[in-house]
Protein backbone atom coordinates (compact mmCIF):
# COMPACT_ATOMS: atom_id res chain seq x y z
CA MET A 1 -21.90 -17.65 -20.40
CA GLU A 2 -20.98 -18.42 -24.02
CA ALA A 3 -24.58 -19.33 -24.77
CA TRP A 4 -25.78 -16.05 -23.25
CA LEU A 5 -23.25 -14.05 -25.29
CA GLN A 6 -24.29 -15.77 -28.50
CA ALA A 7 -27.95 -15.06 -27.78
CA ASN A 8 -27.65 -11.50 -26.46
CA LYS A 9 -24.33 -10.13 -27.74
CA PRO A 10 -23.62 -11.84 -31.05
CA GLY A 11 -20.65 -9.57 -31.76
CA LEU A 12 -18.85 -10.57 -28.57
CA SER A 13 -17.13 -13.79 -27.56
CA LEU A 14 -14.84 -15.03 -24.82
CA SER A 15 -11.17 -15.38 -25.69
CA ALA A 16 -9.39 -18.65 -25.00
CA GLU A 17 -7.57 -17.13 -22.04
CA GLY A 18 -10.85 -15.62 -20.80
CA LYS A 19 -12.48 -19.06 -20.79
CA LEU A 20 -9.54 -20.49 -18.86
CA TRP A 21 -9.70 -17.68 -16.31
CA HIS A 22 -13.33 -18.44 -15.55
CA ALA A 23 -12.45 -22.13 -15.20
CA ILE A 24 -9.66 -21.22 -12.78
CA LYS A 25 -11.93 -18.92 -10.73
CA ALA A 26 -14.42 -21.76 -10.38
CA LEU A 27 -11.82 -23.77 -8.43
CA GLY A 28 -12.00 -21.45 -5.41
CA ASP A 29 -13.96 -18.60 -3.85
CA ASP A 30 -12.69 -15.01 -3.55
CA LEU A 31 -10.77 -15.79 -0.36
CA ARG A 32 -8.85 -18.59 -2.09
CA LEU A 33 -8.45 -16.94 -5.48
CA ALA A 34 -4.82 -15.94 -4.80
CA GLN A 35 -3.90 -19.52 -3.89
CA VAL A 36 -5.61 -20.88 -7.02
CA LEU A 37 -3.78 -18.29 -9.13
CA CYS A 38 -0.45 -19.25 -7.58
CA ALA A 39 -1.11 -22.95 -8.15
CA THR A 40 -1.80 -22.15 -11.81
CA GLY A 41 1.48 -20.26 -12.02
CA ALA A 42 3.40 -23.12 -10.40
CA PHE A 43 2.05 -25.49 -13.05
CA LEU A 44 3.04 -23.03 -15.80
CA ALA A 45 6.55 -22.92 -14.34
CA VAL A 46 6.76 -26.70 -14.78
CA VAL A 47 5.54 -26.35 -18.38
CA ARG A 48 8.16 -23.66 -18.97
CA GLN A 49 10.91 -26.04 -17.87
CA GLY A 50 9.95 -28.52 -20.61
CA ALA A 51 8.31 -31.25 -18.55
CA TRP A 52 5.01 -31.03 -20.40
CA GLN A 53 6.16 -33.04 -23.41
CA ARG A 54 6.49 -36.06 -21.13
CA LEU A 55 3.40 -35.33 -19.01
CA ALA A 56 1.12 -34.76 -22.00
CA LYS A 57 1.38 -38.44 -22.96
CA LEU A 58 -0.34 -39.56 -19.73
CA ASP A 59 -4.08 -40.11 -19.54
CA ASP A 60 -6.08 -37.62 -17.43
CA GLU A 61 -6.22 -39.79 -14.31
CA LYS A 62 -2.48 -40.46 -14.34
CA LEU A 63 -1.78 -36.81 -15.19
CA GLU A 64 -3.76 -35.57 -12.18
CA ALA A 65 -1.87 -37.98 -9.92
CA THR A 66 1.57 -37.08 -11.31
CA VAL A 67 1.50 -33.28 -11.64
CA PRO A 68 1.67 -32.42 -7.88
CA ALA A 69 4.92 -34.39 -7.50
CA GLU A 70 6.33 -32.77 -10.64
CA VAL A 71 5.55 -29.31 -9.27
CA ARG A 72 7.13 -30.09 -5.90
CA LYS A 73 10.24 -31.33 -7.67
CA ALA A 74 10.68 -28.45 -10.11
CA CYS A 75 9.13 -25.28 -8.65
CA GLN A 76 10.28 -23.16 -5.70
CA SER A 77 6.66 -22.11 -5.15
CA ALA A 78 5.47 -25.71 -4.82
CA ALA A 79 3.93 -25.00 -1.41
CA VAL A 80 1.02 -23.27 -3.12
CA PHE A 81 0.18 -26.34 -5.19
CA PRO A 82 -2.30 -28.90 -3.78
CA SER A 83 -0.90 -32.32 -2.91
CA LYS A 84 -3.85 -33.93 -4.65
CA LEU A 85 -5.81 -32.59 -7.61
CA PRO A 86 -9.59 -32.98 -7.79
CA PRO A 87 -10.87 -35.44 -10.41
CA GLY A 88 -11.55 -33.82 -13.75
CA THR A 89 -8.65 -31.35 -13.59
CA GLY A 90 -6.74 -33.04 -16.41
CA PRO A 91 -8.50 -31.24 -19.30
CA LEU A 92 -7.88 -27.87 -17.65
CA LEU A 93 -4.17 -28.66 -17.31
CA ARG A 94 -4.01 -29.62 -20.99
CA ASP A 95 -5.77 -26.38 -22.02
CA LEU A 96 -3.35 -24.35 -19.88
CA ALA A 97 -0.31 -26.03 -21.38
CA SER A 98 -1.68 -25.67 -24.92
CA LEU A 99 -2.42 -21.95 -24.57
CA ALA A 100 0.92 -21.36 -22.85
CA GLY A 101 2.55 -22.88 -25.93
CA GLU A 102 0.85 -20.22 -28.06
CA LEU A 103 1.17 -17.14 -25.83
CA GLY A 104 4.11 -18.02 -23.60
CA GLU A 105 3.91 -19.05 -19.93
CA ALA A 106 4.81 -15.60 -18.60
CA GLN A 107 2.35 -13.79 -20.86
CA LEU A 108 -0.48 -16.15 -19.95
CA PHE A 109 0.19 -15.77 -16.22
CA GLU A 110 0.30 -11.99 -16.64
CA TYR A 111 -3.18 -12.13 -18.15
CA PHE A 112 -4.44 -14.16 -15.19
CA THR A 113 -2.72 -11.80 -12.74
CA THR A 114 -4.34 -8.78 -14.39
CA ARG A 115 -7.77 -10.38 -14.02
CA PHE A 116 -6.97 -11.26 -10.40
CA LEU A 117 -6.02 -7.64 -9.64
CA GLU A 118 -9.24 -6.43 -11.24
CA ALA A 119 -11.27 -8.84 -9.10
CA GLN A 120 -9.44 -7.88 -5.89
CA HIS A 121 -9.04 -4.12 -6.46
CA ARG A 122 -10.90 -3.30 -3.23
CA SER A 123 -8.61 -5.44 -1.09
CA PHE A 124 -5.24 -3.80 -1.68
CA ALA A 125 -3.57 -0.92 -3.51
CA ALA A 126 -2.15 -2.28 -6.75
CA THR A 127 0.59 -0.39 -8.59
CA PRO A 128 -0.59 0.81 -12.03
CA PRO A 129 1.69 -0.46 -14.85
CA PRO A 130 2.40 3.10 -16.20
CA LEU A 131 3.71 4.07 -12.78
CA ALA A 132 5.85 0.92 -12.62
CA LYS A 133 7.40 1.72 -16.01
CA PHE A 134 8.10 5.33 -14.95
CA VAL A 135 9.80 4.12 -11.75
CA ALA A 136 11.92 1.65 -13.73
CA ASP A 137 12.98 4.44 -16.10
CA LEU A 138 13.90 6.70 -13.17
CA VAL A 139 16.07 3.95 -11.66
CA GLY A 140 17.77 3.48 -15.03
CA GLU A 141 19.91 0.63 -16.31
CA ARG A 142 22.99 1.08 -14.13
CA PRO A 143 21.92 -0.78 -10.94
CA ARG A 144 22.57 -4.53 -11.00
CA THR A 145 20.61 -5.40 -7.83
CA LEU A 146 17.14 -4.04 -7.06
CA LEU A 147 15.02 -4.39 -3.90
CA ASP A 148 11.33 -3.72 -3.31
CA PRO A 149 10.58 -4.09 0.44
CA ALA A 150 6.78 -3.85 -0.02
CA CYS A 151 6.49 -5.55 -3.38
CA GLY A 152 2.82 -6.57 -3.44
CA THR A 153 2.39 -8.71 -6.54
CA GLY A 154 5.81 -7.66 -7.85
CA THR A 155 4.75 -5.07 -10.43
CA LEU A 156 7.62 -2.64 -9.76
CA LEU A 157 10.21 -5.42 -9.87
CA LEU A 158 8.70 -6.93 -12.98
CA ALA A 159 8.86 -3.57 -14.80
CA ALA A 160 12.60 -3.51 -14.16
CA SER A 161 13.26 -7.19 -14.84
CA ASP A 162 14.81 -6.56 -18.27
CA GLN A 163 17.38 -4.11 -16.90
CA HIS A 164 18.67 -5.65 -13.68
CA ARG A 165 20.52 -8.85 -12.90
CA ARG A 166 19.16 -9.64 -9.41
CA LEU A 167 15.71 -8.76 -8.05
CA LEU A 168 14.74 -8.97 -4.37
CA GLY A 169 11.26 -8.51 -2.96
CA GLN A 170 9.46 -8.77 0.37
CA GLU A 171 5.72 -8.66 1.01
CA ARG A 172 3.87 -9.14 4.30
CA ASP A 173 0.76 -10.63 2.63
CA THR A 174 1.83 -14.22 1.98
CA ASP A 175 -0.62 -14.69 -0.90
CA LEU A 176 0.65 -11.61 -2.72
CA ALA A 177 4.24 -12.64 -2.02
CA GLN A 178 3.58 -15.98 -3.74
CA VAL A 179 2.02 -14.23 -6.74
CA ALA A 180 5.09 -11.95 -6.97
CA ALA A 181 7.46 -14.91 -6.68
CA ILE A 182 5.78 -16.77 -9.54
CA ARG A 183 5.51 -13.69 -11.79
CA LEU A 184 9.24 -13.09 -11.40
CA ALA A 185 10.14 -16.77 -11.73
CA LEU A 186 8.42 -16.81 -15.11
CA SER A 187 10.04 -13.58 -16.32
CA ALA A 188 13.38 -12.96 -14.57
CA GLU A 189 16.60 -14.93 -14.33
CA GLN A 190 17.48 -14.14 -10.71
CA ALA A 191 14.68 -13.20 -8.34
CA VAL A 192 14.02 -13.88 -4.66
CA VAL A 193 10.74 -12.97 -2.92
CA VAL A 194 10.16 -13.57 0.80
CA GLY A 195 7.16 -13.07 3.04
CA GLY A 196 6.97 -10.88 6.12
CA ASP A 197 6.75 -7.25 7.20
CA SER A 198 10.00 -5.52 6.16
CA LEU A 199 9.86 -2.97 8.97
CA HIS A 200 9.42 -5.59 11.72
CA ALA A 201 11.17 -8.62 10.18
CA ASP A 202 13.57 -7.54 7.43
CA GLY A 203 14.03 -10.47 5.08
CA PHE A 204 17.23 -8.97 3.65
CA GLY A 205 18.81 -7.59 6.80
CA GLY A 206 22.37 -6.35 6.27
CA GLU A 207 22.22 -6.65 2.48
CA LEU A 208 23.07 -3.53 0.45
CA VAL A 209 21.72 -3.19 -3.09
CA ASP A 210 22.21 -0.73 -5.92
CA ALA A 211 18.62 0.58 -5.92
CA VAL A 212 15.37 0.35 -3.95
CA VAL A 213 11.88 0.93 -5.33
CA CYS A 214 8.82 0.98 -3.10
CA HIS A 215 5.07 1.57 -3.14
CA PRO A 216 4.53 1.36 0.63
CA PRO A 217 1.21 1.18 2.46
CA PHE A 218 0.01 4.70 3.29
CA ASN A 219 -1.23 6.16 6.57
CA GLU A 220 -0.59 3.14 8.80
CA ARG A 221 -1.12 3.99 12.45
CA ASP A 222 0.55 0.96 13.92
CA TRP A 223 3.71 0.56 11.85
CA GLY A 224 5.93 0.07 14.91
CA HIS A 225 6.62 3.51 16.39
CA GLU A 226 7.18 2.18 19.91
CA GLU A 227 8.69 -1.22 19.12
CA LEU A 228 11.19 0.18 16.61
CA ALA A 229 12.01 3.46 18.37
CA ALA A 230 15.73 2.61 18.77
CA ASP A 231 16.16 1.04 15.31
CA PRO A 232 19.43 2.09 13.62
CA ARG A 233 17.61 2.67 10.34
CA TRP A 234 16.25 6.01 11.59
CA GLU A 235 19.38 7.93 10.63
CA TYR A 236 17.33 11.01 9.75
CA GLY A 237 15.02 10.92 12.77
CA LEU A 238 12.41 8.68 14.39
CA PRO A 239 9.37 8.64 12.06
CA PRO A 240 6.28 10.13 13.74
CA ARG A 241 3.54 7.72 14.73
CA MET A 242 1.24 8.96 11.95
CA GLU A 243 3.91 9.08 9.20
CA SER A 244 4.70 5.47 8.41
CA GLU A 245 5.87 6.50 4.93
CA LEU A 246 8.94 8.20 6.43
CA ALA A 247 9.88 4.85 7.97
CA TRP A 248 9.78 3.23 4.52
CA VAL A 249 11.92 6.02 3.04
CA GLN A 250 14.62 5.44 5.65
CA HIS A 251 14.34 1.66 5.33
CA GLY A 252 15.12 2.06 1.64
CA LEU A 253 18.09 4.35 2.31
CA ALA A 254 19.45 1.83 4.83
CA HIS A 255 19.45 -0.86 2.14
CA VAL A 256 21.32 0.91 -0.68
CA LYS A 257 25.03 1.26 -1.15
CA PRO A 258 26.56 4.76 -0.97
CA GLY A 259 25.36 6.54 -4.09
CA GLY A 260 22.50 4.05 -4.52
CA ILE A 261 19.06 5.22 -5.67
CA VAL A 262 15.74 5.02 -3.80
CA VAL A 263 12.43 5.74 -5.57
CA THR A 264 9.43 5.72 -3.23
CA LEU A 265 5.77 6.57 -3.80
CA MET A 266 4.56 9.05 -1.16
CA PRO A 267 1.20 10.63 -0.29
CA VAL A 268 1.08 14.31 -1.18
CA THR A 269 0.60 15.23 2.49
CA ALA A 270 4.04 13.84 3.34
CA ALA A 271 5.55 16.84 1.52
CA ASN A 272 4.33 19.36 4.08
CA ARG A 273 2.91 17.70 7.21
CA ARG A 274 4.32 19.50 10.20
CA SER A 275 5.03 16.26 12.08
CA GLY A 276 7.55 15.19 9.43
CA ARG A 277 9.32 18.55 9.08
CA ARG A 278 12.43 17.52 11.04
CA ILE A 279 13.03 14.38 8.96
CA ARG A 280 12.40 16.26 5.70
CA ALA A 281 14.93 18.88 6.79
CA ASN A 282 17.54 16.22 7.59
CA LEU A 283 16.98 14.44 4.28
CA VAL A 284 17.52 17.73 2.42
CA ARG A 285 20.38 18.99 4.60
CA LYS A 286 22.40 15.75 4.35
CA GLY A 287 21.86 15.42 0.60
CA ALA A 288 19.69 12.27 0.67
CA LEU A 289 16.60 13.78 -0.95
CA ARG A 290 17.44 14.60 -4.57
CA GLY A 291 14.08 15.08 -6.26
CA VAL A 292 10.27 15.11 -5.95
CA VAL A 293 7.92 14.41 -8.88
CA ASP A 294 4.22 15.24 -8.86
CA LEU A 295 2.09 12.46 -10.38
CA PRO A 296 -1.32 12.66 -12.05
CA PRO A 297 -3.97 10.75 -10.05
CA SER A 298 -4.55 8.32 -12.92
CA MET A 299 -0.87 7.28 -12.82
CA ALA A 300 -0.42 7.34 -9.04
CA SER A 301 -3.04 4.74 -8.13
CA THR A 302 -5.88 2.64 -9.50
CA ALA A 303 -8.17 4.61 -7.15
CA GLY A 304 -7.18 7.94 -8.74
CA ILE A 305 -5.49 9.31 -5.60
CA PRO A 306 -2.71 11.87 -6.29
CA ALA A 307 0.78 11.12 -4.99
CA HIS A 308 4.42 12.12 -5.33
CA LEU A 309 7.56 10.18 -6.13
CA TRP A 310 10.47 10.93 -3.81
CA LEU A 311 13.87 10.36 -5.44
CA LEU A 312 16.74 9.80 -3.03
CA THR A 313 20.36 8.67 -3.00
CA ARG A 314 22.40 7.43 -0.07
CA PRO A 315 25.12 10.04 0.61
CA VAL A 316 28.70 9.00 -0.17
CA PRO A 317 30.88 9.44 2.95
CA GLY A 318 33.25 12.38 2.59
CA SER A 319 31.42 13.92 -0.36
CA PRO A 320 29.77 17.35 0.02
CA PRO A 321 25.97 17.29 -0.07
CA PRO A 322 24.31 18.45 -3.31
CA ALA A 323 23.38 22.12 -3.45
CA THR A 324 20.00 21.63 -5.14
CA VAL A 325 16.88 19.45 -5.23
CA TRP A 326 15.06 18.70 -8.49
CA PHE A 327 11.29 19.24 -8.72
CA ALA A 328 9.18 18.06 -11.64
CA SER A 329 5.60 17.26 -12.61
CA ALA A 330 4.41 14.28 -14.62
CA VAL A 331 1.14 16.19 -14.98
CA LYS A 332 2.86 18.82 -17.14
CA ASP A 333 5.68 16.82 -18.76
CA ARG A 334 5.89 13.37 -20.31
CA PRO A 335 7.30 10.70 -17.97
CA ALA A 336 9.93 9.62 -20.52
CA GLU A 337 11.25 13.19 -20.76
CA LEU A 338 11.33 13.48 -16.97
CA ALA A 339 13.27 10.22 -16.64
CA SER A 340 15.90 11.51 -19.08
CA ALA A 341 16.09 14.84 -17.25
CA TRP A 342 16.50 13.04 -13.90
CA VAL A 343 19.35 10.85 -15.15
CA ALA A 344 21.06 13.94 -16.61
CA TYR A 345 20.57 15.85 -13.33
CA LEU A 346 22.22 13.07 -11.33
CA ARG A 347 25.14 13.13 -13.76
CA GLU A 348 25.51 16.94 -13.73
CA PRO A 349 23.57 18.58 -10.85
CA THR A 350 24.78 22.11 -11.69
CA ALA A 351 23.44 22.10 -15.28
CA GLU A 352 20.02 23.54 -16.13
CA PRO A 353 17.61 20.56 -16.33
CA SER A 354 15.74 19.95 -19.59
CA SER A 355 12.52 19.37 -17.59
CA GLY A 356 11.51 20.42 -14.12
CA ARG A 357 13.39 22.92 -11.98
CA THR A 358 16.20 22.79 -9.43
CA VAL A 359 15.84 24.64 -6.12
CA ALA A 360 18.71 25.50 -3.78
CA THR A 361 18.60 23.39 -0.60
CA ILE A 362 19.03 26.52 1.51
CA ASP A 363 15.72 27.81 0.10
CA LEU A 364 13.96 24.62 1.20
CA LEU A 365 15.18 24.71 4.79
CA ASP A 366 12.64 27.20 6.11
CA GLU A 367 10.15 26.69 8.91
CA ASP A 368 7.92 24.38 6.84
CA VAL A 369 10.42 22.48 4.62
CA ASP A 370 7.58 22.18 2.12
CA LEU A 371 8.49 19.73 -0.68
CA THR A 372 5.33 20.19 -2.76
CA PRO A 373 6.46 20.45 -6.42
CA ASP A 374 3.73 22.94 -7.42
CA ARG A 375 5.20 25.45 -4.99
CA TYR A 376 8.39 25.66 -7.06
CA LEU A 377 7.18 24.89 -10.57
CA ALA A 378 4.52 27.59 -11.00
CA GLU A 379 5.28 30.49 -13.29
CA GLY A 380 6.22 33.65 -11.43
CA GLY A 381 6.45 31.97 -8.04
CA GLY A 382 4.42 29.04 -6.87
CA ASP A 383 3.10 30.41 -3.59
CA GLN A 384 0.19 32.29 -5.18
CA VAL A 385 -0.88 29.16 -7.08
CA THR A 386 -0.57 27.12 -3.90
CA VAL A 387 -2.61 29.70 -1.98
CA GLN A 388 -5.37 29.51 -4.56
CA SER A 389 -5.35 25.70 -4.65
CA LEU A 390 -5.37 25.52 -0.86
CA THR A 391 -8.25 28.00 -0.71
CA ASP A 392 -10.23 25.86 -3.15
CA GLU A 393 -9.43 22.70 -1.18
CA ILE A 394 -10.50 24.31 2.11
CA ASN A 395 -13.76 25.53 0.53
CA ASP A 396 -14.42 21.98 -0.69
CA LEU A 397 -13.72 20.62 2.79
CA LEU A 398 -16.06 23.18 4.38
CA GLY A 399 -18.73 22.12 1.91
CA ARG A 400 -18.22 18.52 3.05
CA VAL A 401 -18.51 19.67 6.67
CA ARG A 402 -21.93 21.19 5.98
CA ARG A 403 -23.08 18.04 4.19
CA LEU A 404 -21.76 15.71 6.89
CA LEU A 405 -23.36 17.43 9.88
CA PRO A 406 -25.97 14.87 10.95
CA ALA A 407 -29.27 15.58 12.62
CA GLN A 408 -28.83 14.72 16.30
CA PRO A 409 -31.05 11.76 17.24
CA GLU A 410 -32.66 11.21 20.61
CA PRO A 411 -30.43 9.53 23.22
CA LEU A 412 -30.78 5.78 23.01
CA ALA A 413 -32.64 4.42 26.04
CA VAL A 414 -31.43 0.83 26.34
CA SER A 415 -29.78 -1.27 29.00
CA LEU A 416 -26.03 -1.83 28.88
CA THR A 417 -23.73 -4.78 28.52
CA THR A 418 -20.03 -5.20 27.75
CA ALA A 419 -18.09 -6.20 24.67
CA GLY A 420 -16.87 -9.25 26.60
CA GLU A 421 -20.43 -10.44 27.27
CA LEU A 422 -21.30 -10.06 23.58
CA ALA A 423 -18.23 -12.16 22.80
CA GLN A 424 -19.32 -14.85 25.25
CA ALA A 425 -22.72 -14.93 23.54
CA GLY A 426 -21.03 -15.56 20.18
CA ILE A 427 -22.28 -12.27 18.71
CA LEU A 428 -18.77 -11.03 18.13
CA GLU A 429 -15.16 -12.12 18.60
CA ILE A 430 -12.37 -10.12 20.23
CA ILE A 431 -8.94 -10.93 18.81
CA ARG A 432 -5.71 -9.73 20.37
CA PRO A 433 -2.52 -10.77 18.50
CA GLY A 434 0.42 -11.79 20.67
CA ARG A 435 3.58 -9.70 20.89
CA GLU A 436 5.24 -11.67 18.08
CA GLU A 437 2.07 -12.18 16.04
CA GLN A 438 0.09 -10.27 13.47
CA ALA A 439 -3.47 -10.58 12.19
CA TRP A 440 -5.38 -9.13 9.25
CA SER A 441 -8.76 -7.49 9.59
CA GLU A 442 -11.58 -8.09 7.15
CA ALA A 443 -13.98 -5.53 5.73
CA GLY A 444 -16.46 -4.63 8.48
CA ASP A 445 -14.14 -5.52 11.36
CA ILE A 446 -13.58 -3.01 14.18
CA VAL A 447 -9.95 -2.19 15.02
CA VAL A 448 -9.46 -0.69 18.48
CA THR A 449 -6.24 1.10 19.47
CA PRO A 450 -5.64 2.36 23.04
CA GLY A 451 -5.91 6.13 23.38
CA THR A 452 -5.63 8.56 26.26
CA ASP A 453 -9.10 9.80 27.22
CA ARG A 454 -10.89 7.49 24.80
CA LEU A 455 -10.33 4.58 22.43
CA ASP A 456 -9.25 5.06 18.82
CA VAL A 457 -11.80 2.99 16.87
CA GLU A 458 -12.01 2.32 13.14
CA VAL A 459 -14.41 0.21 11.08
CA THR A 460 -12.16 -1.16 8.33
CA ARG A 461 -13.13 -1.05 4.67
CA ARG A 462 -10.28 -3.28 3.47
CA PRO A 463 -7.78 -5.71 5.05
CA THR A 464 -5.61 -3.95 7.65
CA LEU A 465 -2.62 -5.26 9.58
CA VAL A 466 -3.38 -5.67 13.29
CA THR A 467 -0.53 -6.07 15.77
CA ALA A 468 -0.13 -6.54 19.51
CA ARG A 469 -1.16 -2.96 20.34
CA ASN A 470 -4.64 -3.42 18.85
CA HIS A 471 -7.79 -5.33 19.55
CA LEU A 472 -9.74 -6.68 16.59
CA ILE A 473 -13.50 -7.06 17.00
CA ARG A 474 -15.16 -9.28 14.38
CA ILE A 475 -18.95 -9.34 14.11
CA HIS A 476 -20.44 -12.79 13.54
CA ARG A 477 -24.12 -11.90 12.97
CA ARG A 478 -25.83 -10.01 10.18
CA ASP A 479 -28.23 -8.31 12.60
CA VAL A 480 -25.37 -6.36 14.21
CA ASP A 481 -24.13 -3.07 12.70
CA PRO A 482 -20.36 -2.52 13.21
CA GLU A 483 -20.75 1.29 13.04
CA PHE A 484 -23.25 1.12 15.92
CA ILE A 485 -20.78 -0.79 18.12
CA ALA A 486 -17.87 1.45 17.07
CA GLY A 487 -19.73 4.65 17.94
CA PHE A 488 -20.26 3.61 21.56
CA LEU A 489 -16.69 2.37 21.87
CA ARG A 490 -15.43 5.85 20.82
CA SER A 491 -17.46 7.65 23.45
CA ALA A 492 -15.64 9.39 26.31
CA HIS A 493 -18.56 8.29 28.52
CA ASN A 494 -17.48 4.71 28.02
CA PRO A 495 -15.43 3.73 31.10
CA VAL A 496 -12.73 1.31 29.97
CA PRO A 497 -10.78 0.12 33.02
CA SER A 498 -7.08 -0.58 32.62
CA SER A 499 -5.47 -3.78 33.77
CA GLY A 500 -1.96 -3.72 35.16
CA THR A 501 0.66 -5.74 33.32
CA SER A 502 4.39 -6.07 33.52
CA SER A 503 4.69 -3.60 30.67
CA GLY A 504 2.44 -0.96 32.20
CA MET A 505 -1.26 -0.15 32.09
CA ARG A 506 -3.27 -1.64 29.26
CA ARG A 507 -6.83 -0.90 28.16
CA ASP A 508 -9.16 -3.87 28.60
CA VAL A 509 -11.56 -3.67 25.66
CA ARG A 510 -13.59 -6.64 26.92
CA LYS A 511 -14.88 -4.39 29.69
CA ALA A 512 -15.95 -1.65 27.27
CA VAL A 513 -19.62 -0.79 27.78
CA VAL A 514 -22.03 -1.03 24.83
CA PRO A 515 -25.85 -1.06 24.65
CA ARG A 516 -27.79 -4.28 24.49
CA LEU A 517 -28.54 -4.59 20.81
CA PRO A 518 -31.80 -3.02 19.62
CA ALA A 519 -33.42 -3.87 16.26
CA ILE A 520 -31.05 -3.77 13.30
CA GLU A 521 -32.96 -0.82 11.78
CA THR A 522 -32.29 1.23 14.92
CA GLN A 523 -28.65 0.17 14.95
CA ARG A 524 -28.20 1.25 11.35
CA ALA A 525 -29.82 4.62 11.92
CA TYR A 526 -27.52 5.41 14.84
CA GLY A 527 -24.58 3.74 13.09
CA GLU A 528 -24.95 6.11 10.13
CA VAL A 529 -24.85 9.09 12.50
CA PHE A 530 -21.71 7.71 14.16
CA ARG A 531 -20.09 7.08 10.75
CA ARG A 532 -20.78 10.63 9.60
CA LEU A 533 -19.44 12.07 12.85
CA GLU A 534 -16.19 10.14 12.44
CA GLU A 535 -15.85 11.27 8.82
CA LEU A 536 -16.61 14.82 9.98
CA ARG A 537 -13.79 14.62 12.55
CA VAL A 538 -11.33 13.54 9.86
CA VAL A 539 -12.43 16.29 7.46
CA LEU A 540 -12.16 18.97 10.17
CA ASN A 541 -8.64 17.84 11.05
CA GLU A 542 -7.65 18.00 7.38
CA ALA A 543 -9.19 21.46 7.03
CA ALA A 544 -7.32 22.66 10.14
CA ALA A 545 -3.99 21.39 8.76
CA LYS A 546 -4.60 23.06 5.40
CA GLY A 547 -5.74 26.24 7.12
CA GLU A 548 -2.51 26.45 9.09
CA ARG A 549 -0.49 26.03 5.91
CA LEU A 550 -2.62 28.60 4.06
CA THR A 551 -2.11 31.28 6.71
CA ARG A 552 1.65 30.72 6.66
CA LEU A 553 1.81 30.95 2.87
CA VAL A 554 -0.25 34.17 2.80
CA LEU A 555 1.95 35.67 5.52
CA ASP A 556 5.11 34.75 3.60
CA GLU A 557 3.67 36.26 0.41
CA ILE A 558 2.75 39.54 2.12
CA THR A 559 6.22 39.87 3.66
CA ARG A 560 8.14 38.64 0.61
CA ASP A 561 9.53 42.07 -0.37
CA ALA A 562 10.51 42.89 3.20
CA ARG A 563 13.25 40.26 3.30
CA PRO A 564 16.76 41.65 4.04
């Protein structure tokens, strides 16, 4: 690479840390990159503790034999470090220790983590650093203990590490949990990160903290609606099946002390989806929801998807609920100014805020309980602006509908088989996690969820959590198109018998009927039609939801002056 740069790009060169990163990447493929990164961090933790002065005197062979034991002795994350290093690793260890002496162990590992996140950006939703800083500023300096129940690689906790004494994190992806643990071990005095799904297996059950921050996974269908229906955390109502984010909001509120702060990233649709209206009303009525901030897409996510920040506090028993909710926009105002205005609003809720606007809770508790900031921040009344924006969005969606309508192909004349027979032939694998187990899909897997008249089928684009309610179908041959299989599984003409169990009737996906596989070109042609039809269904549902909201807003605007 250096030779190519010198020959073709004479003005460019690899930095020392860039060279080391490429050496580290060479130790494992993409699936093992997180483990290699964590092993690097564990070694840097040993260097940080001062052991390198003694280890550096060893020759390479002795160094490679000694370092694993040193890591196991000194580092809490020793499990990620190999018990035996491959021959020739000694020079890399020396280069790592030398560069860490120049840049600092934490700074060097942050560089490696940044490169890791860039390489894995399609696999999970990373939290952009500007958002993490904004969240830390909103939480402020007062809290002494901080929890992130879906911490990913620990970015939100790390942004607050200078201000808080004790940091707690939980992450269901064990690789990301290890990365978070090492990042915090290198930068914070007191930090604990555990693995596991916080909603199903709370790693800090019963512990109350001063503040909770969270960037939860969005739009999860199988977050535990049935299994957790009687959970005491749902003080404001059982979260709807399709609104997993409302479960994370209430999980955060259940973990803070009275008066404690919760800052949670939310999809913009959570502000007005009809299914979540009851919980939104209870959060406002009881004084838990204190503010909503609109975020620019570039700050909200690395994918440029807009989102809101919900700001909440756990009500203090015996205290009257606040009379207002604060709305603000980081699109219009600087985040630092908004953080100052938020802190001042919490201190004196009746004063006019320096940024944003307060709205009386009674004005929010209408039929929709719409918490969209633009509705309240627009000059001269936000409804007209919202009507126009909704109209534009619906027109865009209708344009997508016209583009997505596929030409209808001829019915496929092939003989039939079952998914179970394809599995027996080794063409695919059907995975069903046990009641206490979880599995992760890979890109191109088919996740099947039982429905009523038909199966709910999704071809995954990124790793997705699969639990006992789902079947996971994994294709093992390149001449099989997952979209082709998924399209026939979705069909209402597909008879999927149920098998009786002690817990009721359960769909048996192995008996699902699919065609015997034609040529891959034919599969792909039909698979593209099936993919477009599924995308069309999603777009039409979104247009219908926005259309319902638009008609209500126009009706309210027309009848505004007729109010008593």
